[in-house]
């Protein structure tokens, strides 16, 4: 069991930039993997697999983890082909839940690649991952497939469900021809559904590579090269529409009440609030009349600087409400500032604003918590890390040096997320 660990800027020549697991049972929870990489300047069969994790015949369970900025290459060499910018799994079992994969790079599976492994991906966000193919001196071309996920085969059932895929890319080779499966390539028996698939580029967004795959109840929006390829085609239960993310600029891919993803997931899957499932990694908890979200993708705050967060307040009711909002800032559990205001929201209105705070240098390094509390009962929390300002006198700390912290501290699990499993 690995818990509450950080793996930052590790390098391996061949497999597993942060870790390699062979014929074992591994549970990884609440960990961060940042800028781990691998590269193999080999011959005709040179490969580089698993920018963060490489597993063979292993039962691998990933929960509430963040994978960011992983590369299956070196700064000077792109291998002939590479599998899994974040995770490469051969055989065994792979389960990923409530996690985030951002900015991974490989030729196959910018975030995850799996072959021969049964398993599942659920309630997970994939953003800005890339599968970029290459060619070698022997004129062999290796296409980029599965911008975020490439699950090519399995020994059992595979479910890719209730996840969000945004701005992933698959290119056929370095010349930027479209690849296949800009978001997902799946050739394993199982179910691919209840996913939000938005603005992916480089071939159709979802490549259904086997007749044994079942799919549907997916939301599509703005994918440059269409929705499905190979055996896949639009199903009557698929949805075309705007996801209405809370704040995509800050990589906050939770949805607001105007989203086309609301209550249109598989009817046999129920969210924690008892309603029909929402599509995507995050559900709206309809037990609360008003929701508030605080968003900031960068979790590092500089002492002595003015920092800001975006705040979104969403009235899901069909009538106007007046909501009392309280925003609290705490440093290592000690309250340092509280802001209160009253906000009138029209029926179904989404209000957006900015909170700015001059972080006093005398606060010192530590953890800053920003909480938003509504009079109607909703609570939201963001946490970041206070560091000395870049270039400060005598300081060796800077934003660059502390980027081992997650790119986004937004919680992966929202209150409405139930223990959802594929109904198929």
Protein backbone atom coordinates (compact mmCIF):
# COMPACT_ATOMS: atom_id res chain seq x y z
CA UNK A 1 0.00 0.00 0.00
CA UNK A 2 1.27 3.45 -0.98
CA UNK A 3 -0.56 6.40 0.61
CA UNK A 4 -0.01 10.17 0.64
CA UNK A 5 3.24 10.00 -1.32
CA UNK A 6 4.70 12.26 -4.00
CA UNK A 7 6.86 11.00 -6.86
CA UNK A 8 8.51 13.94 -8.62
CA UNK A 9 10.98 14.15 -11.53
CA UNK A 10 12.14 10.55 -11.53
CA UNK A 11 13.70 9.02 -14.63
CA UNK A 12 14.14 5.47 -15.93
CA UNK A 13 15.79 4.32 -19.12
CA UNK A 14 13.19 1.74 -20.10
CA UNK A 15 10.09 1.17 -17.98
CA UNK A 16 8.33 2.91 -15.09
CA UNK A 17 9.65 6.40 -14.45
CA UNK A 18 8.45 6.31 -10.83
CA UNK A 19 7.82 2.62 -10.18
CA UNK A 20 7.76 -0.87 -11.67
CA UNK A 21 5.57 -3.68 -10.29
CA UNK A 22 5.89 -7.32 -11.29
CA UNK A 23 3.46 -10.08 -10.26
CA UNK A 24 2.19 -8.30 -7.16
CA UNK A 25 -0.84 -6.67 -5.55
CA UNK A 26 -0.44 -2.89 -5.30
CA UNK A 27 -2.80 -0.29 -3.85
CA UNK A 28 -1.93 3.39 -4.43
CA UNK A 29 -4.14 6.03 -2.80
CA UNK A 30 -3.95 9.83 -2.45
CA UNK A 31 -0.60 10.10 -4.21
CA UNK A 32 0.80 12.52 -6.78
CA UNK A 33 3.05 11.67 -9.71
CA UNK A 34 4.58 14.71 -11.42
CA UNK A 35 7.09 15.01 -14.27
CA UNK A 36 8.33 11.45 -14.17
CA UNK A 37 9.69 10.27 -17.50
CA UNK A 38 11.42 7.49 -19.35
CA UNK A 39 13.35 7.16 -22.58
CA UNK A 40 15.16 4.33 -24.34
CA UNK A 41 17.50 5.21 -27.22
CA UNK A 42 17.39 1.63 -28.46
CA UNK A 43 17.47 -0.11 -31.80
CA UNK A 44 14.68 -1.43 -33.97
CA UNK A 45 12.68 -2.72 -31.01
CA UNK A 46 13.36 0.17 -28.62
CA UNK A 47 10.39 1.01 -26.39
CA UNK A 48 9.68 3.24 -23.41
CA UNK A 49 6.67 2.23 -21.33
CA UNK A 50 4.89 3.75 -18.33
CA UNK A 51 6.03 7.31 -17.72
CA UNK A 52 5.07 6.96 -14.04
CA UNK A 53 4.09 3.30 -13.46
CA UNK A 54 4.88 0.09 -15.31
CA UNK A 55 3.18 -3.14 -14.23
CA UNK A 56 3.30 -6.75 -15.43
CA UNK A 57 0.85 -9.41 -14.24
CA UNK A 58 -0.03 -7.17 -11.29
CA UNK A 59 -3.30 -6.29 -9.58
CA UNK A 60 -2.94 -2.52 -9.57
CA UNK A 61 -5.48 -0.29 -7.80
CA UNK A 62 -5.22 3.50 -8.20
CA UNK A 63 -7.55 5.77 -6.20
CA UNK A 64 -7.62 9.55 -5.69
CA UNK A 65 -4.28 10.11 -7.40
CA UNK A 66 -2.99 12.83 -9.71
CA UNK A 67 -0.67 12.15 -12.66
CA UNK A 68 0.77 15.23 -14.37
CA UNK A 69 3.39 16.05 -17.00
CA UNK A 70 4.63 12.53 -17.76
CA UNK A 71 6.62 11.62 -20.84
CA UNK A 72 7.65 8.32 -22.36
CA UNK A 73 10.59 10.02 -24.02
CA UNK A 74 13.76 11.87 -23.13
CA UNK A 75 14.56 15.47 -23.93
CA UNK A 76 16.68 14.37 -26.88
CA UNK A 77 15.02 11.26 -28.26
CA UNK A 78 11.54 10.00 -29.04
CA UNK A 79 11.61 6.19 -29.05
CA UNK A 80 10.13 4.23 -31.92
CA UNK A 81 7.01 3.52 -29.90
CA UNK A 82 5.95 3.91 -26.31
CA UNK A 83 3.03 2.74 -24.20
CA UNK A 84 1.30 4.71 -21.45
CA UNK A 85 2.42 8.24 -20.64
CA UNK A 86 1.24 7.73 -17.05
CA UNK A 87 0.56 4.00 -16.63
CA UNK A 88 1.46 0.96 -18.72
CA UNK A 89 -0.19 -2.30 -17.60
CA UNK A 90 0.53 -5.71 -19.13
CA UNK A 91 -1.84 -8.46 -17.98
CA UNK A 92 -3.16 -8.68 -14.43
CA UNK A 93 -5.83 -6.22 -13.31
CA UNK A 94 -5.98 -2.43 -13.43
CA UNK A 95 -8.52 -0.28 -11.58
CA UNK A 96 -8.39 3.53 -11.65
CA UNK A 97 -10.91 5.61 -9.67
CA UNK A 98 -11.40 9.27 -8.74
CA UNK A 99 -8.11 10.38 -10.28
CA UNK A 100 -6.72 12.94 -12.74
CA UNK A 101 -4.32 12.55 -15.66
CA UNK A 102 -3.01 15.79 -17.15
CA UNK A 103 -0.45 16.37 -19.91
CA UNK A 104 0.87 12.85 -20.47
CA UNK A 105 2.75 11.85 -23.63
CA UNK A 106 3.31 8.52 -25.41
CA UNK A 107 2.78 7.11 -28.89
CA UNK A 108 0.01 4.81 -27.58
CA UNK A 109 -2.14 5.92 -24.63
CA UNK A 110 -1.05 9.41 -23.61
CA UNK A 111 -2.23 8.70 -20.05
CA UNK A 112 -2.93 4.95 -19.79
CA UNK A 113 -2.13 1.94 -21.97
CA UNK A 114 -3.22 -1.59 -21.08
CA UNK A 115 -3.03 -4.98 -22.78
CA UNK A 116 -4.20 -8.32 -21.44
CA UNK A 117 -5.42 -6.70 -18.23
CA UNK A 118 -9.01 -6.73 -17.04
CA UNK A 119 -10.24 -3.80 -14.97
CA UNK A 120 -11.96 -0.44 -15.00
CA UNK A 121 -11.60 3.33 -15.15
CA UNK A 122 -14.26 5.28 -13.26
CA UNK A 123 -14.84 8.91 -12.18
CA UNK A 124 -11.52 10.07 -13.61
CA UNK A 125 -10.51 13.19 -15.56
CA UNK A 126 -8.16 13.08 -18.56
CA UNK A 127 -7.03 16.46 -19.93
CA UNK A 128 -4.37 17.56 -22.41
CA UNK A 129 -2.84 14.11 -22.87
CA UNK A 130 -1.17 13.28 -26.19
CA UNK A 131 -0.47 10.18 -28.25
CA UNK A 132 1.97 11.24 -30.93
CA UNK A 133 3.28 8.62 -33.36
CA UNK A 134 6.73 8.56 -34.86
CA UNK A 135 8.84 6.97 -37.58
CA UNK A 136 12.35 5.55 -37.50
CA UNK A 137 15.26 5.27 -39.90
CA UNK A 138 13.84 1.99 -41.17
CA UNK A 139 10.79 3.93 -42.44
CA UNK A 140 8.48 2.14 -40.01
CA UNK A 141 5.65 4.44 -38.94
CA UNK A 142 4.05 4.02 -35.54
CA UNK A 143 0.73 5.90 -35.38
CA UNK A 144 -0.48 7.78 -32.33
CA UNK A 145 -3.52 6.02 -30.86
CA UNK A 146 -5.57 6.70 -27.75
CA UNK A 147 -4.80 10.31 -26.86
CA UNK A 148 -5.72 9.61 -23.23
CA UNK A 149 -6.49 5.88 -22.95
CA UNK A 150 -5.56 2.91 -25.11
CA UNK A 151 -6.87 -0.40 -23.72
CA UNK A 152 -6.16 -2.81 -26.55
CA UNK A 153 -7.03 -6.22 -25.10
CA UNK A 154 -7.97 -7.92 -21.85
CA UNK A 155 -8.28 -11.23 -20.04
CA UNK A 156 -11.69 -10.23 -18.69
CA UNK A 157 -14.25 -7.43 -18.60
CA UNK A 158 -13.13 -3.80 -18.98
CA UNK A 159 -15.34 -0.82 -18.11
CA UNK A 160 -14.42 2.77 -18.93
CA UNK A 161 -17.25 4.74 -17.33
CA UNK A 162 -18.25 8.07 -15.79
CA UNK A 163 -15.06 9.82 -16.80
CA UNK A 164 -14.28 13.11 -18.51
CA UNK A 165 -11.96 13.46 -21.52
CA UNK A 166 -11.06 17.03 -22.53
CA UNK A 167 -8.56 18.38 -25.06
CA UNK A 168 -6.64 15.14 -25.64
CA UNK A 169 -4.84 14.53 -28.91
CA UNK A 170 -3.75 11.64 -31.16
CA UNK A 171 -1.54 12.27 -34.19
CA UNK A 172 -0.54 9.64 -36.71
CA UNK A 173 3.07 10.75 -36.72
CA UNK A 174 5.23 13.80 -36.22
CA UNK A 175 3.70 15.49 -39.29
CA UNK A 176 0.45 15.97 -37.36
CA UNK A 177 -1.78 13.76 -39.46
CA UNK A 178 -4.79 12.66 -37.42
CA UNK A 179 -4.31 9.42 -35.51
CA UNK A 180 -7.15 7.37 -34.05
CA UNK A 181 -9.02 7.53 -30.78
CA UNK A 182 -8.21 11.13 -29.87
CA UNK A 183 -9.64 10.42 -26.40
CA UNK A 184 -10.02 6.62 -26.15
CA UNK A 185 -9.09 3.52 -28.08
CA UNK A 186 -10.72 0.42 -26.61
CA UNK A 187 -10.45 -3.10 -27.97
CA UNK A 188 -11.20 -5.01 -24.78
CA UNK A 189 -14.49 -6.72 -24.05
CA UNK A 190 -16.66 -4.57 -21.80
CA UNK A 191 -18.53 -1.26 -21.66
CA UNK A 192 -17.43 2.25 -22.61
CA UNK A 193 -20.12 4.72 -21.53
CA UNK A 194 -21.38 7.55 -19.36
CA UNK A 195 -18.29 9.54 -20.41
CA UNK A 196 -18.04 13.23 -21.27
CA UNK A 197 -15.85 13.57 -24.37
CA UNK A 198 -15.09 17.17 -25.25
CA UNK A 199 -12.81 19.01 -27.70
CA UNK A 200 -10.42 16.17 -28.45
CA UNK A 201 -8.29 16.40 -31.62
CA UNK A 202 -6.59 13.95 -33.99
CA UNK A 203 -8.94 11.34 -35.41
CA UNK A 204 -12.39 10.39 -34.15
CA UNK A 205 -12.65 10.80 -30.37
CA UNK A 206 -13.50 7.16 -29.53
CA UNK A 207 -12.07 4.23 -31.46
CA UNK A 208 -14.11 1.06 -30.83
CA UNK A 209 -11.52 -1.53 -31.86
CA UNK A 210 -13.45 -4.73 -31.16
CA UNK A 211 -16.93 -6.09 -31.77
CA UNK A 212 -17.00 -7.22 -28.13
CA UNK A 213 -17.13 -3.61 -26.86
CA UNK A 214 -20.49 -2.15 -25.84
CA UNK A 215 -20.84 1.61 -25.73
CA UNK A 216 -23.32 4.46 -25.31
CA UNK A 217 -24.69 7.20 -23.05
CA UNK A 218 -21.75 9.45 -23.92
CA UNK A 219 -21.75 13.25 -24.26
CA UNK A 220 -19.85 14.65 -27.22
CA UNK A 221 -18.98 18.26 -27.90
CA UNK A 222 -16.49 20.00 -30.16
CA UNK A 223 -14.38 16.99 -31.13
CA UNK A 224 -12.49 18.08 -34.25
CA UNK A 225 -12.60 14.82 -36.20
CA UNK A 226 -15.90 13.25 -35.22
CA UNK A 227 -17.11 10.95 -32.49
CA UNK A 228 -16.48 7.25 -33.30
CA UNK A 229 -14.30 5.15 -35.57
CA UNK A 230 -13.76 1.48 -36.48
CA UNK A 231 -16.75 -0.49 -35.15
CA UNK A 232 -18.24 2.49 -33.33
CA UNK A 233 -21.11 4.72 -34.37
CA UNK A 234 -23.41 7.23 -32.69
CA UNK A 235 -26.04 5.56 -30.53
CA UNK A 236 -29.53 7.01 -29.96
CA UNK A 237 -28.67 7.28 -26.25
CA UNK A 238 -25.56 9.40 -26.92
CA UNK A 239 -25.85 13.14 -26.29
CA UNK A 240 -24.56 16.02 -28.40
CA UNK A 241 -24.32 19.20 -26.37
CA UNK A 242 -22.33 21.64 -24.28
CA UNK A 243 -21.08 20.18 -20.98
CA UNK A 244 -21.13 23.56 -19.17
CA UNK A 245 -18.04 22.96 -17.08
CA UNK A 246 -17.55 25.05 -13.95
CA UNK A 247 -14.26 26.61 -15.12
CA UNK A 248 -12.34 24.85 -17.91
CA UNK A 249 -9.70 27.59 -17.89
CA UNK A 250 -8.75 26.39 -14.41
CA UNK A 251 -9.17 22.71 -15.39
CA UNK A 252 -12.30 22.47 -13.26
CA UNK A 253 -14.41 20.00 -15.24
CA UNK A 254 -17.27 19.66 -12.79
CA UNK A 255 -20.60 20.53 -14.37
CA UNK A 256 -23.19 23.19 -13.62
CA UNK A 257 -26.94 22.67 -13.70
CA UNK A 258 -27.25 23.83 -17.33
CA UNK A 259 -25.13 20.95 -18.56
CA UNK A 260 -26.46 18.55 -21.17
CA UNK A 261 -24.80 15.81 -19.08
CA UNK A 262 -27.32 16.14 -16.25
CA UNK A 263 -29.53 13.07 -15.61
CA UNK A 264 -28.94 11.48 -19.02
CA UNK A 265 -26.51 8.69 -18.10
CA UNK A 266 -27.36 5.01 -18.08
CA UNK A 267 -30.75 4.63 -16.34
CA UNK A 268 -29.52 1.68 -14.27
CA UNK A 269 -26.80 3.81 -12.68
CA UNK A 270 -27.97 6.08 -9.85
CA UNK A 271 -26.08 9.00 -8.32
CA UNK A 272 -25.77 9.38 -4.57
CA UNK A 273 -28.69 11.83 -4.51
CA UNK A 274 -30.96 9.10 -5.91
CA UNK A 275 -31.35 10.63 -9.39
CA UNK A 276 -30.44 9.07 -12.71
CA UNK A 277 -26.70 9.25 -13.30
CA UNK A 278 -25.04 12.30 -14.80
CA UNK A 279 -22.52 11.78 -17.60
CA UNK A 280 -18.87 12.40 -16.80
CA UNK A 281 -16.53 12.23 -13.83
CA UNK A 282 -18.52 14.59 -11.59
CA UNK A 283 -22.22 14.58 -10.73
CA UNK A 284 -24.44 17.37 -9.42
CA UNK A 285 -25.85 16.69 -5.96
CA UNK A 286 -29.48 17.75 -6.38
CA UNK A 287 -30.16 17.50 -2.66
CA UNK A 288 -28.62 20.99 -2.40
CA UNK A 289 -30.53 23.87 -4.03
CA UNK A 290 -27.41 26.01 -4.58
CA UNK A 291 -23.84 24.90 -5.20
CA UNK A 292 -20.60 26.88 -4.93
CA UNK A 293 -17.27 25.94 -6.53
CA UNK A 294 -13.85 27.48 -6.02
CA UNK A 295 -11.38 26.86 -8.83
CA UNK A 296 -7.66 27.37 -9.33
CA UNK A 297 -5.45 25.01 -11.34
CA UNK A 298 -2.15 26.09 -9.77
CA UNK A 299 -1.80 24.84 -6.21
CA UNK A 300 1.29 26.94 -5.42
CA UNK A 301 0.87 30.39 -3.83
CA UNK A 302 3.66 32.93 -3.47
CA UNK A 303 4.11 34.84 -0.23
CA UNK A 304 3.88 38.59 -0.70
CA UNK A 305 1.94 38.26 -3.97
CA UNK A 306 -1.72 38.85 -4.85
CA UNK A 307 -3.29 35.52 -5.74
CA UNK A 308 -6.75 34.85 -7.12
CA UNK A 309 -9.39 32.14 -7.40
CA UNK A 310 -12.52 31.90 -9.49
CA UNK A 311 -15.81 31.29 -7.67
CA UNK A 312 -18.91 29.84 -9.32
CA UNK A 313 -22.34 29.80 -7.64
CA UNK A 314 -25.04 27.71 -9.31
CA UNK A 315 -28.76 27.93 -8.49
CA UNK A 316 -30.26 24.65 -9.68
CA UNK A 317 -33.81 25.65 -8.69
CA UNK A 318 -36.48 26.94 -11.12
CA UNK A 319 -37.11 29.96 -8.87
CA UNK A 320 -35.05 32.88 -7.57
CA UNK A 321 -33.13 32.54 -4.31
CA UNK A 322 -31.11 34.77 -2.00
CA UNK A 323 -28.00 32.97 -0.80
CA UNK A 324 -25.63 33.91 2.00
CA UNK A 325 -22.01 33.22 1.06
CA UNK A 326 -19.06 33.02 3.42
CA UNK A 327 -15.48 32.66 2.13
CA UNK A 328 -12.85 31.73 4.71
CA UNK A 329 -9.06 31.62 4.36
CA UNK A 330 -7.03 29.58 6.82
CA UNK A 331 -3.33 28.93 7.15
CA UNK A 332 -2.47 25.58 8.74
CA UNK A 333 -5.89 25.56 10.43
CA UNK A 334 -5.71 29.15 11.71
CA UNK A 335 -8.31 31.55 10.29
CA UNK A 336 -6.76 34.64 8.70
CA UNK A 337 -9.63 36.23 6.77
CA UNK A 338 -13.39 35.89 6.25
CA UNK A 339 -15.54 37.54 3.58
CA UNK A 340 -19.35 37.53 3.67
CA UNK A 341 -21.89 38.65 1.11
CA UNK A 342 -25.48 38.11 0.08
CA UNK A 343 -26.18 37.09 -3.51
CA UNK A 344 -29.50 37.05 -5.36
CA UNK A 345 -29.72 34.40 -8.07
CA UNK A 346 -32.42 34.08 -10.70
CA UNK A 347 -33.96 30.72 -11.70
CA UNK A 348 -31.18 28.40 -12.91
CA UNK A 349 -28.66 31.25 -12.80
CA UNK A 350 -24.91 30.62 -12.65
CA UNK A 351 -22.92 33.48 -11.10
CA UNK A 352 -19.16 33.78 -11.54
CA UNK A 353 -16.69 36.00 -9.73
CA UNK A 354 -13.06 36.35 -8.67
CA UNK A 355 -11.58 36.32 -5.16
CA UNK A 356 -8.25 38.13 -4.76
CA UNK A 357 -6.02 37.97 -1.71
CA UNK A 358 -2.68 39.59 -0.97
CA UNK A 359 -0.77 36.81 0.77
CA UNK A 360 1.25 38.44 3.57
CA UNK A 361 4.90 37.42 3.49
CA UNK A 362 4.86 37.01 7.27
CA UNK A 363 2.40 34.09 6.98
CA UNK A 364 5.33 31.85 6.17
CA UNK A 365 5.31 28.61 4.24
CA UNK A 366 2.59 26.06 4.86
CA UNK A 367 -0.88 25.12 3.65
CA UNK A 368 -3.54 27.66 2.74
CA UNK A 369 -7.17 26.54 2.74
CA UNK A 370 -9.93 28.51 1.03
CA UNK A 371 -13.48 27.47 1.96
CA UNK A 372 -16.81 28.55 0.51
CA UNK A 373 -19.86 27.96 2.72
CA UNK A 374 -23.46 28.65 1.72
CA UNK A 375 -26.34 29.34 4.06
CA UNK A 376 -28.29 26.52 2.39
CA UNK A 377 -25.69 23.98 3.50
CA UNK A 378 -23.22 23.51 0.67
CA UNK A 379 -19.48 23.51 1.49
CA UNK A 380 -16.50 23.65 -0.87
CA UNK A 381 -12.78 23.61 -0.06
CA UNK A 382 -9.53 24.31 -1.92
CA UNK A 383 -6.02 23.76 -0.58
CA UNK A 384 -2.70 25.12 -1.81
CA UNK A 385 0.90 25.46 -0.73
CA UNK A 386 2.52 28.71 0.40
CA UNK A 387 6.09 29.22 -0.79
CA UNK A 388 8.62 32.05 -0.75
CA UNK A 389 8.27 34.37 -3.73
CA UNK A 390 10.35 33.45 -6.76
CA UNK A 391 13.70 35.17 -6.64
CA UNK A 392 13.19 36.36 -3.08
CA UNK A 393 16.32 37.39 -1.17
CA UNK A 394 18.18 34.34 0.08
CA UNK A 395 15.35 32.04 -0.95
CA UNK A 396 15.93 28.82 -2.81
CA UNK A 397 12.20 28.10 -3.09
CA UNK A 398 10.32 29.09 -6.20
CA UNK A 399 7.22 28.03 -8.07
CA UNK A 400 9.37 26.02 -10.42
CA UNK A 401 11.06 24.10 -7.64
CA UNK A 402 7.86 23.19 -5.81
CA UNK A 403 5.80 22.09 -8.78
CA UNK A 404 5.80 18.59 -7.35
CA UNK A 405 2.47 19.59 -5.90
CA UNK A 406 -0.58 18.67 -7.97
CA UNK A 407 -1.39 20.87 -10.93
CA UNK A 408 -4.94 20.95 -9.67
CA UNK A 409 -5.94 20.36 -6.04
CA UNK A 410 -9.60 20.17 -7.01
CA UNK A 411 -11.07 17.15 -5.29
CA UNK A 412 -11.69 14.23 -7.57
CA UNK A 413 -14.82 13.10 -5.71
CA UNK A 414 -17.91 15.27 -5.42
CA UNK A 415 -20.69 14.62 -2.87
CA UNK A 416 -23.02 13.25 -5.54
CA UNK A 417 -20.62 10.58 -6.75
CA UNK A 418 -22.08 7.18 -5.95
CA UNK A 419 -20.37 3.83 -6.10
CA UNK A 420 -21.13 3.61 -9.78
CA UNK A 421 -20.39 0.45 -11.73
CA UNK A 422 -21.14 -0.47 -15.29
CA UNK A 423 -24.65 -1.82 -15.67
CA UNK A 424 -23.49 -3.77 -18.68
